[in-house]
Amino acid sequence: MKRIGVVTSGGDAPGMNAALRAIVRTAHPTGAKIIGFRRGYEGLITNNTVLLDSRSVGGIIHLGGTILHTVRCPEFYTEKGLKKAAENLEKNKIEGLIVIGGNGSFKGAYELSERCRTAIIGIPATIDNDVYGTDETIGFDTAVNTAVTLIDKIRDTAVSHERIFIVEVMGRKRGFLALEVGLTVGAENILVPEIKPNIEKVCEKIKENAEKGKKSNIIIAAEGVGDTRKIAKEIEEKTGGDVRLTVLGHVQRGGHPTARSRLLACLFGEKAVKMLFQGKTKKVVGINGNQLVEIELKDSFTKEKPLNLEFLELAEKLAI
């Protein structure tokens, strides 16, 4: 394999740059050229390329975001866009393409694989941690730690003013981030999209806490549970407490990747290159326990990764 393409697609996740570095430096001894496509799938359509070598990926392992940049590209998911992308892969003589991204990116990668001869391998990088077949994705641990650091500060204010804080974290469809953040900050309540919020139950717990002398409460809510402003107002009306809402937003995407996110990036990047040289295609790299695994590309976005509801039970048990 002489020419390998790489693209970072979808929402950025801390550790994408570390994965790029691992890909380039793993391939370097083989003599293969690494062609980066800028601005996600848009770069495949516009043929916006850059040659990546060992020096061009120096000093990026600790950087958040992606040096290749990424944008949403609706055109890619049209027949015309996919055809153009396939033509540019052929034009650049790309024998293998590594896609770094999440579910949406892998769906696009699969559709592209059906229209080209290029071998395609996916590397899961998303703070949502919702890719089927892998325990963890690149960037998830960083996002958790970023949220935990900020919520620990909010807890100080909540205790000092005896307030109820609702903290909205990312997660439009899945609650992996909210669940792990909520458990590790000691939240009194965790709201996830997979379970319809029971505000009555939340209010009952707040009242019970008040009777026990616990005047402050932290509620972690994934953005996908609904309008957190309305939820905050409803809780305030039903409990009589002083309720404040904090939306963490895109701060969770940025920052230096943690050691864990960098480790996964290094392992996944090396594995992806090896898989290409082994002649494999339509696969996604993952990790189960401490073992690297290969996931069917189609499974990665068509099958739903289960949420560990035992975490919710444990969080409730510990928040007394």
Protein backbone atom coordinates (compact mmCIF):
# COMPACT_ATOMS: atom_id res chain seq x y z
CA MET A 1 0.00 0.00 0.00
CA LYS A 2 1.68 3.17 -1.22
CA ARG A 3 -0.87 5.94 -0.59
CA ILE A 4 -3.17 6.24 2.44
CA GLY A 5 -5.75 8.96 2.88
CA VAL A 6 -6.98 10.24 6.26
CA VAL A 7 -9.89 12.48 7.16
CA THR A 8 -11.28 13.83 10.46
CA SER A 9 -15.04 14.10 10.18
CA GLY A 10 -18.03 15.24 12.23
CA GLY A 11 -17.68 16.94 15.60
CA ASP A 12 -14.12 17.38 16.82
CA ALA A 13 -12.89 15.31 19.76
CA PRO A 14 -9.71 15.77 21.83
CA GLY A 15 -7.21 13.19 20.63
CA MET A 16 -7.91 13.41 16.92
CA ASN A 17 -4.51 15.01 16.39
CA ALA A 18 -2.82 12.28 18.42
CA ALA A 19 -4.50 9.71 16.14
CA LEU A 20 -3.23 11.54 13.05
CA ARG A 21 0.27 11.48 14.49
CA ALA A 22 0.05 7.75 15.19
CA ILE A 23 -1.19 7.00 11.67
CA VAL A 24 1.53 8.99 9.94
CA ARG A 25 4.38 7.69 12.07
CA THR A 26 3.21 4.07 11.92
CA ALA A 27 3.04 4.26 8.12
CA HIS A 28 6.33 6.16 7.74
CA PRO A 29 8.71 3.13 7.91
CA THR A 30 6.71 1.40 5.15
CA GLY A 31 7.36 4.23 2.71
CA ALA A 32 3.63 4.86 2.26
CA LYS A 33 2.54 8.44 1.64
CA ILE A 34 -0.19 9.86 3.89
CA ILE A 35 -2.60 12.28 2.23
CA GLY A 36 -4.77 14.34 4.57
CA PHE A 37 -8.11 15.63 3.33
CA ARG A 38 -8.90 19.00 4.90
CA ARG A 39 -12.30 20.06 6.29
CA GLY A 40 -13.78 16.60 6.71
CA TYR A 41 -15.78 15.01 3.91
CA GLU A 42 -15.96 18.36 2.16
CA GLY A 43 -12.25 17.91 1.44
CA LEU A 44 -12.95 14.62 -0.33
CA ILE A 45 -15.42 16.39 -2.60
CA THR A 46 -13.27 19.48 -3.28
CA ASN A 47 -10.00 17.52 -3.36
CA ASN A 48 -8.52 19.72 -0.64
CA THR A 49 -5.41 17.74 0.29
CA VAL A 50 -2.17 18.06 2.22
CA LEU A 51 0.80 15.68 2.39
CA LEU A 52 1.47 14.59 5.96
CA ASP A 53 4.91 13.43 7.04
CA SER A 54 6.57 12.70 10.36
CA ARG A 55 7.59 16.31 10.87
CA SER A 56 4.21 17.83 9.98
CA VAL A 57 2.58 15.90 12.83
CA GLY A 58 5.27 16.84 15.35
CA GLY A 59 4.10 18.75 18.42
CA ILE A 60 0.41 17.96 17.97
CA ILE A 61 -0.14 15.03 20.33
CA HIS A 62 -1.28 17.39 23.10
CA LEU A 63 -3.51 19.62 20.98
CA GLY A 64 -7.29 19.50 21.02
CA GLY A 65 -9.35 19.82 17.85
CA THR A 66 -7.93 18.67 14.52
CA ILE A 67 -5.23 20.23 12.37
CA LEU A 68 -7.11 18.94 9.31
CA HIS A 69 -10.24 20.81 10.44
CA THR A 70 -13.77 19.47 10.08
CA VAL A 71 -17.09 20.83 8.81
CA ARG A 72 -20.57 19.43 8.33
CA CYS A 73 -21.04 18.49 4.68
CA PRO A 74 -24.62 17.57 3.68
CA GLU A 75 -23.52 17.31 0.04
CA PHE A 76 -21.38 14.28 0.85
CA TYR A 77 -24.49 12.28 1.71
CA THR A 78 -25.95 12.80 -1.76
CA GLU A 79 -25.27 10.48 -4.70
CA LYS A 80 -23.49 13.29 -6.50
CA GLY A 81 -21.27 14.05 -3.51
CA LEU A 82 -20.37 10.42 -2.89
CA LYS A 83 -19.52 9.94 -6.56
CA LYS A 84 -17.26 13.01 -6.54
CA ALA A 85 -15.50 11.82 -3.38
CA ALA A 86 -14.93 8.38 -4.93
CA GLU A 87 -13.51 10.00 -8.06
CA ASN A 88 -11.06 12.06 -6.01
CA LEU A 89 -9.88 8.99 -4.12
CA GLU A 90 -9.20 7.37 -7.50
CA LYS A 91 -7.56 10.54 -8.82
CA ASN A 92 -5.19 10.67 -5.84
CA LYS A 93 -4.50 6.92 -6.11
CA ILE A 94 -5.62 6.41 -2.51
CA GLU A 95 -5.51 2.69 -1.76
CA GLY A 96 -6.67 2.98 1.85
CA LEU A 97 -8.69 5.64 3.67
CA ILE A 98 -8.81 6.08 7.44
CA VAL A 99 -11.84 7.97 8.75
CA ILE A 100 -11.59 9.46 12.24
CA GLY A 101 -15.03 10.31 13.58
CA GLY A 102 -18.29 9.02 15.04
CA ASN A 103 -21.52 7.34 13.95
CA GLY A 104 -22.47 9.82 11.25
CA SER A 105 -18.97 9.74 9.81
CA PHE A 106 -18.99 5.95 9.70
CA LYS A 107 -22.35 5.91 7.95
CA GLY A 108 -20.84 8.16 5.29
CA ALA A 109 -17.72 5.99 5.14
CA TYR A 110 -19.85 2.91 4.52
CA GLU A 111 -21.79 4.58 1.71
CA LEU A 112 -18.50 5.69 0.17
CA SER A 113 -17.06 2.18 0.46
CA GLU A 114 -19.96 0.90 -1.64
CA ARG A 115 -18.94 3.25 -4.45
CA CYS A 116 -15.16 2.95 -4.57
CA ARG A 117 -12.36 0.41 -4.57
CA THR A 118 -10.49 2.09 -1.71
CA ALA A 119 -10.17 0.09 1.52
CA ILE A 120 -11.75 2.01 4.41
CA ILE A 121 -11.01 1.74 8.15
CA GLY A 122 -12.70 3.81 10.88
CA ILE A 123 -11.24 5.18 14.11
CA PRO A 124 -13.92 6.11 16.68
CA ALA A 125 -13.42 9.64 17.98
CA THR A 126 -16.41 11.31 19.60
CA ILE A 127 -17.11 12.73 23.04
CA ASP A 128 -20.53 11.02 22.95
CA ASN A 129 -18.93 7.56 23.31
CA ASP A 130 -21.88 6.04 21.44
CA VAL A 131 -20.11 3.97 18.76
CA TYR A 132 -21.26 0.37 18.88
CA GLY A 133 -18.66 -2.32 19.54
CA THR A 134 -16.10 -0.29 21.49
CA ASP A 135 -16.03 0.38 25.22
CA GLU A 136 -14.62 3.84 24.66
CA THR A 137 -14.00 6.39 21.95
CA ILE A 138 -11.18 8.91 21.57
CA GLY A 139 -12.08 12.14 23.35
CA PHE A 140 -14.69 10.76 25.74
CA ASP A 141 -12.40 10.65 28.77
CA THR A 142 -11.24 14.20 28.08
CA ALA A 143 -14.82 15.50 27.85
CA VAL A 144 -15.72 13.74 31.10
CA ASN A 145 -12.75 15.26 32.91
CA THR A 146 -13.46 18.72 31.52
CA ALA A 147 -17.05 18.55 32.75
CA VAL A 148 -16.04 17.14 36.14
CA THR A 149 -13.53 19.95 36.70
CA LEU A 150 -16.16 22.60 35.96
CA ILE A 151 -18.93 20.95 37.97
CA ASP A 152 -16.67 20.59 41.00
CA LYS A 153 -16.44 24.40 40.97
CA ILE A 154 -20.21 24.73 40.59
CA ARG A 155 -20.63 22.42 43.61
CA ASP A 156 -18.71 24.94 45.74
CA THR A 157 -21.21 27.65 44.85
CA ALA A 158 -24.20 25.32 45.21
CA VAL A 159 -23.15 24.39 48.76
CA SER A 160 -22.29 27.97 49.74
CA HIS A 161 -25.65 29.38 48.58
CA GLU A 162 -27.72 26.26 49.29
CA ARG A 163 -28.88 26.13 45.69
CA ILE A 164 -30.05 23.52 43.23
CA PHE A 165 -27.94 23.49 40.09
CA ILE A 166 -28.94 21.83 36.85
CA VAL A 167 -25.86 21.33 34.67
CA GLU A 168 -26.54 20.52 31.03
CA VAL A 169 -23.87 18.46 29.30
CA MET A 170 -23.67 17.35 25.69
CA GLY A 171 -25.57 14.31 24.44
CA ARG A 172 -28.44 14.96 22.04
CA LYS A 173 -29.36 11.29 21.63
CA ARG A 174 -27.33 9.31 24.14
CA GLY A 175 -26.49 9.73 27.81
CA PHE A 176 -23.03 8.20 28.15
CA LEU A 177 -21.39 11.53 28.97
CA ALA A 178 -24.10 12.63 31.42
CA LEU A 179 -24.06 9.25 33.15
CA GLU A 180 -20.32 9.05 33.76
CA VAL A 181 -20.06 12.73 34.68
CA GLY A 182 -23.02 12.49 37.04
CA LEU A 183 -21.64 9.45 38.82
CA THR A 184 -18.14 10.89 39.23
CA VAL A 185 -19.26 14.31 40.54
CA GLY A 186 -21.67 12.76 43.02
CA ALA A 187 -24.78 14.24 41.39
CA GLU A 188 -28.06 13.81 43.25
CA ASN A 189 -29.91 13.22 39.96
CA ILE A 190 -28.89 12.24 36.42
CA LEU A 191 -31.19 12.75 33.43
CA VAL A 192 -30.45 10.89 30.19
CA PRO A 193 -32.29 10.75 26.83
CA GLU A 194 -32.79 6.98 27.09
CA ILE A 195 -35.17 7.40 30.05
CA LYS A 196 -38.02 9.93 30.09
CA PRO A 197 -37.30 12.42 32.90
CA ASN A 198 -39.50 11.95 35.95
CA ILE A 199 -39.50 15.46 37.36
CA GLU A 200 -41.87 14.49 40.16
CA LYS A 201 -39.35 11.93 41.38
CA VAL A 202 -36.53 14.47 41.10
CA CYS A 203 -38.50 16.96 43.20
CA GLU A 204 -39.33 14.34 45.80
CA LYS A 205 -35.65 13.56 46.20
CA ILE A 206 -34.79 17.24 46.55
CA LYS A 207 -37.42 17.59 49.30
CA GLU A 208 -36.14 14.48 51.05
CA ASN A 209 -32.61 15.86 50.93
CA ALA A 210 -33.82 19.16 52.44
CA GLU A 211 -35.48 17.30 55.32
CA LYS A 212 -32.16 15.57 56.00
CA GLY A 213 -30.40 18.92 56.05
CA LYS A 214 -28.98 18.67 52.57
CA LYS A 215 -29.79 22.04 51.04
CA SER A 216 -27.77 21.89 47.81
CA ASN A 217 -28.29 19.55 44.86
CA ILE A 218 -26.53 18.90 41.57
CA ILE A 219 -28.60 17.58 38.67
CA ILE A 220 -26.75 16.48 35.54
CA ALA A 221 -28.88 16.55 32.39
CA ALA A 222 -27.93 15.49 28.88
CA GLU A 223 -29.08 18.07 26.33
CA GLY A 224 -31.29 15.44 24.71
CA VAL A 225 -33.69 15.21 27.68
CA GLY A 226 -35.50 18.37 26.59
CA ASP A 227 -35.56 22.08 27.39
CA THR A 228 -33.54 22.33 30.58
CA ARG A 229 -34.80 25.89 31.14
CA LYS A 230 -38.34 24.55 31.49
CA ILE A 231 -37.12 21.72 33.67
CA ALA A 232 -35.36 24.20 35.96
CA LYS A 233 -38.48 26.36 36.22
CA GLU A 234 -40.68 23.35 36.98
CA ILE A 235 -38.34 22.12 39.72
CA GLU A 236 -38.19 25.59 41.26
CA GLU A 237 -41.99 25.87 41.31
CA LYS A 238 -42.50 22.41 42.83
CA THR A 239 -39.75 22.56 45.44
CA GLY A 240 -39.55 26.26 46.29
CA GLY A 241 -35.78 25.98 45.98
CA ASP A 242 -33.35 28.39 44.37
CA VAL A 243 -32.64 26.68 41.03
CA ARG A 244 -29.89 27.74 38.63
CA LEU A 245 -29.05 26.35 35.20
CA THR A 246 -25.55 26.07 33.72
CA VAL A 247 -25.06 24.90 30.14
CA LEU A 248 -21.50 23.71 29.62
CA GLY A 249 -21.80 23.66 25.83
CA HIS A 250 -18.86 23.34 23.47
CA VAL A 251 -16.25 23.79 26.18
CA GLN A 252 -16.56 20.01 26.57
CA ARG A 253 -15.16 19.45 23.07
CA GLY A 254 -11.96 21.42 23.53
CA GLY A 255 -8.80 21.32 25.58
CA HIS A 256 -5.74 19.12 25.73
CA PRO A 257 -6.61 15.41 25.49
CA THR A 258 -6.11 13.42 28.67
CA ALA A 259 -3.56 10.63 28.88
CA ARG A 260 -6.38 8.13 28.31
CA SER A 261 -7.59 9.84 25.14
CA ARG A 262 -4.01 10.06 23.84
CA LEU A 263 -3.41 6.40 24.62
CA LEU A 264 -6.49 5.30 22.69
CA ALA A 265 -5.46 7.56 19.80
CA CYS A 266 -2.02 5.96 19.63
CA LEU A 267 -3.39 2.42 19.85
CA PHE A 268 -6.21 3.00 17.35
CA GLY A 269 -3.99 4.85 14.88
CA GLU A 270 -1.38 2.11 14.77
CA LYS A 271 -4.04 -0.61 14.56
CA ALA A 272 -5.83 1.11 11.66
CA VAL A 273 -2.66 1.26 9.56
CA LYS A 274 -1.84 -2.38 10.30
CA MET A 275 -5.35 -3.41 9.25
CA LEU A 276 -4.96 -1.67 5.91
CA PHE A 277 -1.68 -3.46 5.26
CA GLN A 278 -3.40 -6.72 6.16
CA GLY A 279 -5.86 -6.09 3.35
CA LYS A 280 -8.84 -5.38 5.59
CA THR A 281 -11.66 -2.96 4.78
CA LYS A 282 -15.06 -1.83 6.06
CA LYS A 283 -13.86 -2.18 9.66
CA VAL A 284 -13.70 0.08 12.71
CA VAL A 285 -11.05 -0.16 15.41
CA GLY A 286 -12.34 -0.55 18.96
CA ILE A 287 -11.39 -1.66 22.44
CA ASN A 288 -13.12 -4.21 24.69
CA GLY A 289 -11.56 -4.59 28.10
CA ASN A 290 -7.87 -4.19 27.31
CA GLN A 291 -8.05 -5.82 23.90
CA LEU A 292 -8.18 -4.04 20.58
CA VAL A 293 -11.01 -5.34 18.42
CA GLU A 294 -12.27 -5.01 14.86
CA ILE A 295 -15.89 -3.95 14.38
CA GLU A 296 -17.86 -4.27 11.16
CA LEU A 297 -18.22 -0.78 9.71
CA LYS A 298 -21.96 -1.21 9.12
CA ASP A 299 -22.51 -2.45 12.68
CA SER A 300 -20.79 0.62 14.12
CA PHE A 301 -23.64 2.91 13.11
CA THR A 302 -26.64 0.57 12.65
CA LYS A 303 -26.44 -1.16 16.04
CA GLU A 304 -27.10 0.68 19.28
CA LYS A 305 -24.52 0.63 22.03
CA PRO A 306 -26.26 -0.16 25.36
CA LEU A 307 -26.15 2.35 28.20
CA ASN A 308 -25.05 0.83 31.50
CA LEU A 309 -28.10 1.58 33.64
CA GLU A 310 -26.34 0.07 36.68
CA PHE A 311 -24.41 3.35 36.77
CA LEU A 312 -27.70 5.18 37.41
CA GLU A 313 -28.54 2.82 40.25
CA LEU A 314 -25.08 3.26 41.76
CA ALA A 315 -25.25 7.05 41.48
CA GLU A 316 -28.61 7.05 43.28
CA LYS A 317 -27.30 4.73 45.97
CA LEU A 318 -24.27 6.94 46.64
CA ALA A 319 -26.09 10.30 46.55
CA ILE A 320 -27.69 10.06 50.01
